[in-house]
Amino acid sequence: MRLLHHHARSLLLVLAFALGGGGCKERTEAADGWIQVCPAQQFCFRHPPDLILNPQQVIDSEAGRYQSERLQLSYDLGMYSTNFAELSNPDVADKIIDGLAGEVLIAGNVMALRIHSVRDRVRFAMHLEFSGKVDAALGQRIFDSVHFLPPRK
């Protein structure tokens, strides 16, 4: 009986930690009102507070999607994240994110960030689709907030 009690208590501690009780929050509000999220403690980024998480079923990477009336944001950290080949004739600009070489692509109402190598064979992609014209300043602010965990030296 005592062993069963110990296992039940251990399970409760694991569940509490997994649900956010372990001291690591995945979502926090910044001083400017934006929200910082850290999916699976792999990386963090900030976004406007009106973006709402749209749950996704993902198998081979850390991916997610947020939506508001004016913007849809999606990200993918994994070996098979997109390189945005589907964008037709985008404007491409080099961009350094958290010390890593990347590129920002703009085509139509889409602004995207790709980093070909975060670590080993892991890539990162973030896709912003605006309901109207691309808001490049907003997109750059979101992209500039991306940083990978653990912190890079």
Foldseek 3Di string as FASTA:
>chain_A
DVVVVVVVVVVVVVVCVVVPNVPDAQWDADPVRWIWGQQVVFKIWTAHPQWDWDDDDDDFWRKTWTDHPWKIKIKTKGLDDDPPPVAPPWDKDWDAELNAIWIWTDHAQKIKIKGCPPDDNIIMIMIMGTPHHHPVVNVVRGRNRMAGPPRDD
